């Protein structure tokens, strides 16, 4: 168990067990669970008689191994008899998480005649005469494809299209929950760039937008660029732009807290993949003073030996002093650290050498680049990607509202101004004068966020 691991609903289990019916039995059960490092969230009596009772104990654990340990401890107790263990996350996913429902009644012959044959033929002819009417008369008006090839899923890596489905389903559910956008997972059994571009282009007439998801760099850059050239609907790689939008939103308020301006700061970004590259590009558009990009081999610098065209572009457009050393040296004197890389690569002593009132965004999941408590010893503001820490940088603050705005604008493409507008809208949802070191970003459940983002994106996307 890492230092940052805490019990989470993501590893919640329900244990059905029998125990004696004496008054202290439930208390002993809760004590055992607590001593095992789990958190009891519910205890329900299933059945009872004079001597024994059967209960369902629900508790949060830190990971699958910890859940097994808790179960084994309960099973080893002489007065507890474990009957069954259920993983609540797997139960939630049984049969998938989304479904399709009809928006129109189909009660009688009249309904059927209008929704389907013969009436539907009139609508088909109208769209054939004027293809733009598809946005008005079909699901294209409010539907997004969530497309992945399963090559870079969460922190799990290249696990393939079937294994990517639970993430894409979840994404579709979030689209509906937060912005009433109808989204559908499209997981492709190919990782060939040309094939992906051709497949997505061929199915594009059904959708009002394409959300690319969990496609490995550098292919994701080419796929997005080529699709944007071919299609007349917005194409948005959320791992890039969604992350960048929310990072910038958090940084806007973090800088307000410490009293610094974008033009005056130096930022060290660790992880020059899809997310890191998009973050740097957006920071440049915002007018940041300087950026040093760091990846596995160290800082990206002009003259470095690499075939990675994206890294070459970064090196040519950042790192004014052409620093070529390691992470510790890159962080020294920096105002901001942004990590989208790997756990436990930044030390507290590194943060101590940053500029006055440093800002640390350590967003590797589930374990960040530095323990948040360690970072907070030296940093003025700390953010992570975790839901159990203050200042969670979460893409769900961006993508639902972004696509709501794009669809409402009937946008035919994407423009960088929309990303800047979305970031400002998210930052402003915190409220003027309310930002503080533990509140630089709104909650993912703040109902103001998606409408504010949608309105901001719509304004700059109309006519695109």
Protein backbone atom coordinates (compact mmCIF):
# COMPACT_ATOMS: atom_id res chain seq x y z
CA UNK A 1 0.00 0.00 0.00
CA UNK A 2 1.49 3.38 -0.99
CA UNK A 3 1.57 6.35 1.35
CA UNK A 4 -1.13 8.06 -0.71
CA UNK A 5 -3.47 5.05 -0.80
CA UNK A 6 -6.67 5.55 1.13
CA UNK A 7 -9.82 3.42 1.25
CA UNK A 8 -12.01 4.22 -1.74
CA UNK A 9 -15.44 3.30 -3.06
CA UNK A 10 -13.60 2.11 -6.16
CA UNK A 11 -12.50 -0.91 -4.10
CA UNK A 12 -15.65 -1.33 -2.05
CA UNK A 13 -16.77 -4.84 -1.09
CA UNK A 14 -19.89 -6.28 0.52
CA UNK A 15 -19.27 -9.29 2.75
CA UNK A 16 -22.19 -11.45 3.81
CA UNK A 17 -21.38 -13.20 7.07
CA UNK A 18 -23.02 -14.86 10.04
CA UNK A 19 -22.19 -13.89 13.60
CA UNK A 20 -23.60 -14.36 17.06
CA UNK A 21 -26.66 -12.34 18.02
CA UNK A 22 -25.15 -10.88 21.18
CA UNK A 23 -25.21 -7.06 21.57
CA UNK A 24 -21.46 -6.66 21.11
CA UNK A 25 -21.08 -8.65 17.88
CA UNK A 26 -21.62 -5.73 15.51
CA UNK A 27 -19.14 -3.63 17.47
CA UNK A 28 -16.49 -6.38 17.30
CA UNK A 29 -17.07 -6.62 13.53
CA UNK A 30 -16.57 -2.88 13.01
CA UNK A 31 -13.44 -2.96 15.16
CA UNK A 32 -11.90 -5.79 13.16
CA UNK A 33 -12.61 -3.95 9.88
CA UNK A 34 -11.12 -0.72 11.21
CA UNK A 35 -7.99 -2.46 12.49
CA UNK A 36 -7.58 -4.00 9.02
CA UNK A 37 -7.38 -0.49 7.53
CA UNK A 38 -10.79 -0.49 5.84
CA UNK A 39 -13.74 1.85 6.42
CA UNK A 40 -17.20 0.44 7.20
CA UNK A 41 -19.84 2.28 5.18
CA UNK A 42 -22.91 0.10 5.84
CA UNK A 43 -24.00 -2.79 8.04
CA UNK A 44 -27.37 -4.32 7.14
CA UNK A 45 -29.09 -7.23 8.89
CA UNK A 46 -30.28 -9.78 6.31
CA UNK A 47 -31.89 -12.27 8.71
CA UNK A 48 -31.78 -13.09 12.40
CA UNK A 49 -32.91 -15.61 15.01
CA UNK A 50 -32.35 -15.99 18.75
CA UNK A 51 -28.72 -17.14 18.40
CA UNK A 52 -27.33 -15.98 15.07
CA UNK A 53 -27.75 -13.18 12.59
CA UNK A 54 -26.65 -12.76 8.99
CA UNK A 55 -25.40 -9.32 7.98
CA UNK A 56 -24.13 -7.58 4.86
CA UNK A 57 -21.02 -5.59 5.74
CA UNK A 58 -20.00 -2.97 3.16
CA UNK A 59 -16.57 -1.41 3.47
CA UNK A 60 -14.10 0.61 1.41
CA UNK A 61 -10.59 -0.79 0.90
CA UNK A 62 -7.48 0.60 -0.77
CA UNK A 63 -7.03 -1.93 -3.60
CA UNK A 64 -7.89 -5.49 -4.65
CA UNK A 65 -5.12 -7.00 -2.53
CA UNK A 66 -6.32 -5.09 0.53
CA UNK A 67 -9.90 -6.28 -0.10
CA UNK A 68 -8.65 -9.88 -0.08
CA UNK A 69 -6.74 -9.24 3.14
CA UNK A 70 -9.83 -7.84 4.86
CA UNK A 71 -11.87 -10.84 3.73
CA UNK A 72 -9.23 -13.27 4.99
CA UNK A 73 -9.07 -11.53 8.37
CA UNK A 74 -12.85 -11.73 8.73
CA UNK A 75 -12.85 -15.39 7.71
CA UNK A 76 -10.15 -16.18 10.29
CA UNK A 77 -12.19 -14.86 13.22
CA UNK A 78 -13.71 -17.78 15.20
CA UNK A 79 -17.10 -16.12 15.73
CA UNK A 80 -17.55 -14.87 12.13
CA UNK A 81 -18.65 -17.14 9.26
CA UNK A 82 -18.07 -15.53 5.83
CA UNK A 83 -20.73 -16.66 3.34
CA UNK A 84 -20.08 -14.55 0.25
CA UNK A 85 -17.99 -11.58 -0.94
CA UNK A 86 -19.15 -9.19 -3.67
CA UNK A 87 -17.03 -6.57 -5.40
CA UNK A 88 -19.40 -3.60 -5.69
CA UNK A 89 -17.52 -2.07 -8.63
CA UNK A 90 -17.89 -5.24 -10.71
CA UNK A 91 -21.58 -5.46 -9.75
CA UNK A 92 -22.09 -1.89 -11.00
CA UNK A 93 -20.60 -2.83 -14.37
CA UNK A 94 -22.68 -5.98 -14.96
CA UNK A 95 -24.32 -5.69 -18.38
CA UNK A 96 -22.70 -2.31 -19.05
CA UNK A 97 -23.53 1.15 -17.73
CA UNK A 98 -25.52 2.77 -20.54
CA UNK A 99 -28.58 2.02 -22.67
CA UNK A 100 -30.65 3.47 -25.52
CA UNK A 101 -34.20 4.71 -24.96
CA UNK A 102 -36.70 6.02 -27.49
CA UNK A 103 -37.52 9.72 -27.25
CA UNK A 104 -40.83 9.32 -29.05
CA UNK A 105 -43.92 7.25 -28.17
CA UNK A 106 -44.66 4.09 -30.14
CA UNK A 107 -48.17 3.37 -28.86
CA UNK A 108 -50.19 2.76 -31.99
CA UNK A 109 -50.21 2.64 -35.80
CA UNK A 110 -50.10 6.43 -36.13
CA UNK A 111 -46.96 6.68 -34.00
CA UNK A 112 -45.31 3.89 -35.96
CA UNK A 113 -46.26 5.47 -39.29
CA UNK A 114 -44.55 8.73 -38.35
CA UNK A 115 -41.49 7.33 -36.53
CA UNK A 116 -40.89 4.63 -39.11
CA UNK A 117 -42.42 3.65 -42.43
CA UNK A 118 -44.01 5.25 -44.38
CA UNK A 119 -43.59 8.72 -42.81
CA UNK A 120 -39.87 8.44 -42.20
CA UNK A 121 -39.25 8.37 -45.97
CA UNK A 122 -40.24 12.02 -46.23
CA UNK A 123 -37.59 12.96 -43.68
CA UNK A 124 -34.98 10.87 -45.50
CA UNK A 125 -35.74 12.68 -48.77
CA UNK A 126 -35.47 16.06 -47.04
CA UNK A 127 -32.01 15.20 -45.72
CA UNK A 128 -30.95 13.83 -49.12
CA UNK A 129 -31.92 17.18 -50.65
CA UNK A 130 -30.20 19.14 -47.88
CA UNK A 131 -27.60 17.12 -45.90
CA UNK A 132 -27.25 19.92 -43.33
CA UNK A 133 -30.75 19.01 -42.14
CA UNK A 134 -29.23 15.91 -40.52
CA UNK A 135 -28.18 18.16 -37.63
CA UNK A 136 -31.82 19.17 -37.17
CA UNK A 137 -33.70 15.96 -37.92
CA UNK A 138 -31.47 13.15 -36.56
CA UNK A 139 -29.47 12.22 -33.49
CA UNK A 140 -26.49 13.98 -35.09
CA UNK A 141 -27.77 17.11 -33.36
CA UNK A 142 -26.84 15.83 -29.91
CA UNK A 143 -24.61 12.76 -30.34
CA UNK A 144 -20.89 12.23 -29.85
CA UNK A 145 -18.77 9.17 -30.63
CA UNK A 146 -16.28 8.21 -27.91
CA UNK A 147 -13.57 6.53 -30.00
CA UNK A 148 -10.65 4.48 -28.69
CA UNK A 149 -8.28 1.80 -29.92
CA UNK A 150 -7.45 0.68 -26.39
CA UNK A 151 -3.77 1.55 -26.74
CA UNK A 152 -3.36 3.88 -23.73
CA UNK A 153 -6.21 3.24 -21.30
CA UNK A 154 -5.91 5.11 -18.00
CA UNK A 155 -2.62 3.98 -16.44
CA UNK A 156 -3.14 0.44 -17.71
CA UNK A 157 -1.45 0.82 -21.09
CA UNK A 158 -2.22 -1.07 -24.29
CA UNK A 159 -5.04 -3.38 -23.14
CA UNK A 160 -7.10 -3.49 -26.34
CA UNK A 161 -10.60 -2.48 -27.41
CA UNK A 162 -12.69 -4.89 -25.32
CA UNK A 163 -10.89 -3.95 -22.11
CA UNK A 164 -11.26 -0.25 -22.98
CA UNK A 165 -15.05 -0.51 -23.14
CA UNK A 166 -15.77 0.10 -19.41
CA UNK A 167 -13.90 3.42 -19.59
CA UNK A 168 -15.69 4.52 -22.76
CA UNK A 169 -19.07 3.53 -21.30
CA UNK A 170 -18.27 5.59 -18.22
CA UNK A 171 -17.35 8.52 -20.43
CA UNK A 172 -20.68 8.26 -22.22
CA UNK A 173 -22.51 8.18 -18.89
CA UNK A 174 -20.69 11.34 -17.77
CA UNK A 175 -21.59 13.12 -21.02
CA UNK A 176 -25.27 12.43 -20.32
CA UNK A 177 -25.14 13.22 -16.60
CA UNK A 178 -23.36 16.55 -16.79
CA UNK A 179 -24.36 17.99 -20.18
CA UNK A 180 -27.26 15.90 -21.55
CA UNK A 181 -25.10 14.86 -24.50
CA UNK A 182 -25.86 11.45 -25.99
CA UNK A 183 -22.53 9.67 -26.41
CA UNK A 184 -21.71 6.15 -27.55
CA UNK A 185 -18.53 4.06 -27.14
CA UNK A 186 -16.78 3.04 -30.36
CA UNK A 187 -13.83 0.77 -29.55
CA UNK A 188 -11.87 -0.22 -32.64
CA UNK A 189 -10.02 -3.49 -33.15
CA UNK A 190 -7.11 -1.86 -34.95
CA UNK A 191 -4.21 0.36 -33.98
CA UNK A 192 -3.31 1.25 -37.55
CA UNK A 193 -3.45 5.02 -37.97
CA UNK A 194 -4.76 4.93 -41.55
CA UNK A 195 -7.50 2.45 -40.68
CA UNK A 196 -8.63 4.42 -37.63
CA UNK A 197 -8.85 7.62 -39.65
CA UNK A 198 -10.81 5.90 -42.42
CA UNK A 199 -13.20 4.13 -40.02
CA UNK A 200 -13.98 7.25 -38.01
CA UNK A 201 -14.41 9.32 -41.17
CA UNK A 202 -16.79 6.71 -42.59
CA UNK A 203 -19.03 6.69 -39.53
CA UNK A 204 -18.90 10.45 -38.91
CA UNK A 205 -22.26 11.25 -40.61
CA UNK A 206 -24.04 9.79 -37.57
CA UNK A 207 -22.36 12.10 -35.05
CA UNK A 208 -22.14 15.79 -34.22
CA UNK A 209 -18.67 15.40 -32.72
CA UNK A 210 -15.84 12.93 -32.19
CA UNK A 211 -14.22 12.47 -28.77
CA UNK A 212 -10.95 10.57 -29.18
CA UNK A 213 -9.94 8.75 -26.02
CA UNK A 214 -7.03 6.70 -24.70
CA UNK A 215 -5.07 6.53 -27.98
CA UNK A 216 -1.32 6.37 -27.44
CA UNK A 217 1.04 9.17 -28.42
CA UNK A 218 2.38 10.05 -30.91
CA UNK A 219 -0.30 8.39 -33.11
CA UNK A 220 -3.03 10.34 -31.34
CA UNK A 221 -1.63 13.61 -32.71
CA UNK A 222 -1.70 12.42 -36.32
CA UNK A 223 -5.14 10.81 -36.01
CA UNK A 224 -6.65 13.98 -34.58
CA UNK A 225 -4.99 16.24 -37.16
CA UNK A 226 -6.05 14.11 -40.13
CA UNK A 227 -9.62 13.74 -38.90
CA UNK A 228 -9.91 17.49 -38.38
CA UNK A 229 -8.85 17.99 -42.00
CA UNK A 230 -11.37 15.45 -43.34
CA UNK A 231 -14.46 16.04 -41.22
CA UNK A 232 -17.01 18.83 -40.90
CA UNK A 233 -17.62 18.14 -37.19
CA UNK A 234 -15.40 18.90 -34.17
CA UNK A 235 -12.72 16.33 -33.30
CA UNK A 236 -11.39 16.57 -29.74
CA UNK A 237 -8.82 14.28 -28.10
CA UNK A 238 -9.81 14.55 -24.46
CA UNK A 239 -6.58 13.14 -23.05
CA UNK A 240 -4.90 16.14 -24.63
CA UNK A 241 -7.28 19.06 -24.59
CA UNK A 242 -9.59 18.14 -21.73
CA UNK A 243 -6.61 17.72 -19.43
CA UNK A 244 -5.02 20.94 -20.66
CA UNK A 245 -8.22 22.94 -20.16
CA UNK A 246 -8.66 21.85 -16.55
CA UNK A 247 -4.96 22.27 -15.72
CA UNK A 248 -5.04 25.82 -17.06
CA UNK A 249 -8.25 26.54 -15.11
CA UNK A 250 -6.63 25.38 -11.89
CA UNK A 251 -3.45 27.31 -12.63
CA UNK A 252 -5.38 30.52 -13.27
CA UNK A 253 -6.73 30.40 -9.72
CA UNK A 254 -3.49 29.09 -8.20
CA UNK A 255 -1.65 32.10 -9.60
CA UNK A 256 -4.36 34.36 -8.19
CA UNK A 257 -3.73 32.81 -4.77
CA UNK A 258 0.05 33.40 -4.88
CA UNK A 259 -0.15 36.74 -6.69
CA UNK A 260 1.81 35.87 -9.83
CA UNK A 261 1.18 36.49 -13.54
CA UNK A 262 1.50 34.00 -16.40
CA UNK A 263 4.03 36.16 -18.24
CA UNK A 264 6.37 36.12 -15.24
CA UNK A 265 6.43 32.42 -14.37
CA UNK A 266 8.51 29.42 -15.39
CA UNK A 267 6.76 26.04 -15.52
CA UNK A 268 8.35 22.60 -15.46
CA UNK A 269 6.16 19.99 -17.17
CA UNK A 270 7.07 16.34 -16.60
CA UNK A 271 5.66 13.95 -19.19
CA UNK A 272 5.86 15.01 -22.84
CA UNK A 273 3.13 12.69 -24.11
CA UNK A 274 -0.37 13.58 -25.25
CA UNK A 275 -1.50 15.40 -22.10
CA UNK A 276 1.80 17.11 -21.40
CA UNK A 277 2.14 18.38 -24.95
CA UNK A 278 -1.38 19.82 -24.98
CA UNK A 279 -0.83 21.46 -21.60
CA UNK A 280 2.32 23.16 -22.87
CA UNK A 281 0.66 24.35 -26.06
CA UNK A 282 -2.24 25.86 -24.12
CA UNK A 283 0.08 27.51 -21.60
CA UNK A 284 1.96 29.09 -24.49
CA UNK A 285 -1.29 30.45 -25.90
CA UNK A 286 -1.99 31.91 -22.46
CA UNK A 287 1.36 33.73 -22.58
CA UNK A 288 3.39 31.81 -20.01
CA UNK A 289 6.91 33.12 -19.41
CA UNK A 290 8.84 29.90 -20.03
CA UNK A 291 8.45 26.12 -19.92
CA UNK A 292 10.95 23.33 -19.42
CA UNK A 293 9.65 19.97 -20.62
CA UNK A 294 11.07 16.82 -19.00
CA UNK A 295 10.61 13.20 -20.02
CA UNK A 296 12.39 9.94 -19.17
CA UNK A 297 15.76 11.04 -20.57
CA UNK A 298 15.66 14.46 -18.91
CA UNK A 299 14.87 17.93 -20.24
CA UNK A 300 13.94 18.44 -23.89
CA UNK A 301 16.50 20.79 -25.40
CA UNK A 302 17.51 22.14 -28.79
CA UNK A 303 20.08 19.83 -30.33
CA UNK A 304 18.97 16.68 -28.52
CA UNK A 305 19.12 13.39 -30.45
CA UNK A 306 15.52 12.32 -31.10
CA UNK A 307 13.29 11.19 -33.96
CA UNK A 308 10.16 12.32 -32.09
CA UNK A 309 8.83 15.25 -34.13
CA UNK A 310 6.62 16.43 -31.26
CA UNK A 311 9.60 16.57 -28.91
CA UNK A 312 11.58 18.50 -31.52
CA UNK A 313 8.78 21.06 -31.76
CA UNK A 314 8.63 21.39 -27.97
CA UNK A 315 12.39 21.85 -27.73
CA UNK A 316 12.32 24.55 -30.42
CA UNK A 317 9.50 26.50 -28.75
CA UNK A 318 10.31 26.24 -25.01
CA UNK A 319 13.29 26.15 -22.63
CA UNK A 320 14.73 29.58 -23.35
CA UNK A 321 18.06 28.81 -21.67
CA UNK A 322 18.25 25.39 -23.41
CA UNK A 323 18.66 23.50 -20.12
CA UNK A 324 19.64 19.87 -20.78
CA UNK A 325 19.83 18.30 -17.33
CA UNK A 326 17.61 16.21 -15.08
CA UNK A 327 14.29 16.85 -13.33
CA UNK A 328 15.78 18.25 -10.12
CA UNK A 329 17.70 20.87 -12.05
CA UNK A 330 14.69 21.73 -14.21
CA UNK A 331 12.48 22.26 -11.15
CA UNK A 332 15.01 24.45 -9.36
CA UNK A 333 13.79 28.03 -9.52
CA UNK A 334 10.55 27.12 -11.30
CA UNK A 335 7.31 28.67 -10.13
CA UNK A 336 5.13 25.72 -11.16
CA UNK A 337 5.56 21.96 -11.42
CA UNK A 338 3.04 20.06 -13.58
CA UNK A 339 3.31 16.29 -13.61
CA UNK A 340 1.52 13.95 -16.02
CA UNK A 341 4.04 11.17 -15.80
CA UNK A 342 4.86 8.57 -13.12
CA UNK A 343 4.61 8.21 -9.34
CA UNK A 344 7.19 9.27 -6.78
CA UNK A 345 9.68 11.01 -9.08
CA UNK A 346 9.70 14.39 -7.30
CA UNK A 347 11.21 14.88 -3.84
CA UNK A 348 10.25 17.37 -1.18
CA UNK A 349 13.80 18.71 -1.39
CA UNK A 350 13.15 19.48 -5.08
CA UNK A 351 10.05 21.51 -4.21
CA UNK A 352 12.05 23.35 -1.56
CA UNK A 353 14.39 24.60 -4.32
CA UNK A 354 11.57 26.03 -6.44
CA UNK A 355 10.76 29.75 -6.58
CA UNK A 356 8.95 31.49 -3.74
CA UNK A 357 5.39 30.24 -3.16
CA UNK A 358 5.68 27.33 -5.59
CA UNK A 359 2.71 25.54 -7.15
CA UNK A 360 2.71 21.75 -7.57
CA UNK A 361 0.23 19.91 -9.81
CA UNK A 362 1.16 16.23 -9.34
CA UNK A 363 -1.41 14.40 -11.45
CA UNK A 364 -0.13 10.88 -12.03
CA UNK A 365 -2.85 8.40 -11.05
CA UNK A 366 -3.42 6.63 -8.77
CA UNK A 367 -0.13 7.64 -7.13
CA UNK A 368 1.13 11.15 -7.90
CA UNK A 369 4.65 12.30 -8.68
CA UNK A 370 5.04 13.32 -5.03
CA UNK A 371 3.06 12.56 -1.89
CA UNK A 372 0.66 15.54 -1.57
CA UNK A 373 1.41 15.91 2.14
CA UNK A 374 5.14 16.05 1.41
CA UNK A 375 4.61 18.60 -1.36
CA UNK A 376 2.45 20.76 0.93
CA UNK A 377 5.39 21.18 3.33
CA UNK A 378 7.05 23.43 0.75
CA UNK A 379 4.42 24.41 -1.84
CA UNK A 380 1.86 27.17 -1.53
CA UNK A 381 -0.70 25.26 -3.64
CA UNK A 382 -0.91 21.52 -4.34
CA UNK A 383 -3.25 19.77 -6.79
CA UNK A 384 -3.54 16.14 -7.85
CA UNK A 385 -5.72 13.92 -10.02
CA UNK A 386 -7.15 12.13 -6.99
CA UNK A 387 -10.69 12.50 -5.69
CA UNK A 388 -9.56 11.99 -2.08
CA UNK A 389 -7.28 15.06 -2.11
CA UNK A 390 -8.07 18.80 -2.38
CA UNK A 391 -7.90 20.43 -5.81
CA UNK A 392 -8.67 17.45 -8.03
CA UNK A 393 -7.78 18.11 -11.68
CA UNK A 394 -10.49 16.09 -13.43
CA UNK A 395 -11.36 16.15 -17.14
CA UNK A 396 -15.07 15.81 -16.35
CA UNK A 397 -14.98 19.54 -15.57
CA UNK A 398 -14.26 20.17 -19.25
CA UNK A 399 -15.44 17.67 -21.85
CA UNK A 400 -19.22 17.60 -21.16
CA UNK A 401 -19.53 21.37 -21.34
CA UNK A 402 -17.11 21.63 -24.25
CA UNK A 403 -19.18 19.30 -26.42
CA UNK A 404 -22.46 20.81 -25.22
CA UNK A 405 -21.20 24.16 -26.49
CA UNK A 406 -19.88 22.74 -29.76
CA UNK A 407 -23.15 20.92 -30.49
CA UNK A 408 -25.26 23.96 -29.60
CA UNK A 409 -23.13 26.09 -31.90
CA UNK A 410 -23.42 23.43 -34.64
CA UNK A 411 -19.68 23.84 -34.95
CA UNK A 412 -17.96 22.22 -37.91
CA UNK A 413 -14.52 22.25 -36.29
CA UNK A 414 -12.43 23.10 -33.25
CA UNK A 415 -10.52 26.27 -32.50
CA UNK A 416 -7.92 26.92 -29.82
CA UNK A 417 -9.87 29.91 -28.55
CA UNK A 418 -12.50 27.47 -27.30
CA UNK A 419 -9.96 25.83 -24.98
CA UNK A 420 -8.95 29.18 -23.49
CA UNK A 421 -12.60 30.17 -23.06
CA UNK A 422 -13.42 26.87 -21.35
CA UNK A 423 -10.50 27.27 -18.93
CA UNK A 424 -11.57 30.77 -17.95
CA UNK A 425 -15.16 29.60 -17.44
CA UNK A 426 -14.11 26.76 -15.13
CA UNK A 427 -11.78 29.03 -13.14
CA UNK A 428 -14.51 31.64 -12.73
CA UNK A 429 -16.89 29.04 -11.29
CA UNK A 430 -14.81 29.11 -8.12
CA UNK A 431 -16.08 32.64 -7.58
CA UNK A 432 -14.31 35.97 -7.36
CA UNK A 433 -12.19 36.24 -4.24
CA UNK A 434 -13.01 32.70 -3.08
CA UNK A 435 -9.94 30.85 -4.35
CA UNK A 436 -7.57 29.65 -1.64
CA UNK A 437 -4.76 27.05 -1.43
CA UNK A 438 -7.23 24.17 -1.04
CA UNK A 439 -9.90 25.51 -3.42
CA UNK A 440 -8.59 26.49 -6.85
CA UNK A 441 -10.92 24.31 -8.91
CA UNK A 442 -14.67 23.66 -8.61
CA UNK A 443 -16.13 20.30 -7.65
CA UNK A 444 -16.95 17.91 -10.47
CA UNK A 445 -20.51 17.97 -9.10
CA UNK A 446 -20.81 21.77 -9.25
CA UNK A 447 -23.89 22.22 -11.44
CA UNK A 448 -22.67 25.63 -12.66
CA UNK A 449 -19.61 24.28 -14.46
CA UNK A 450 -20.93 22.48 -17.55
CA UNK A 451 -23.41 25.27 -18.50
CA UNK A 452 -20.72 27.92 -18.01
CA UNK A 453 -18.25 26.00 -20.16
CA UNK A 454 -20.91 25.32 -22.79
CA UNK A 455 -21.83 28.97 -23.06
CA UNK A 456 -18.19 30.08 -23.30
CA UNK A 457 -17.38 27.48 -25.97
CA UNK A 458 -20.55 28.24 -27.94
CA UNK A 459 -19.68 31.93 -28.13
CA UNK A 460 -16.31 31.33 -29.77
CA UNK A 461 -17.45 28.35 -31.88
CA UNK A 462 -20.49 29.71 -33.65
CA UNK A 463 -19.81 29.88 -37.37
CA UNK A 464 -16.69 27.68 -37.12
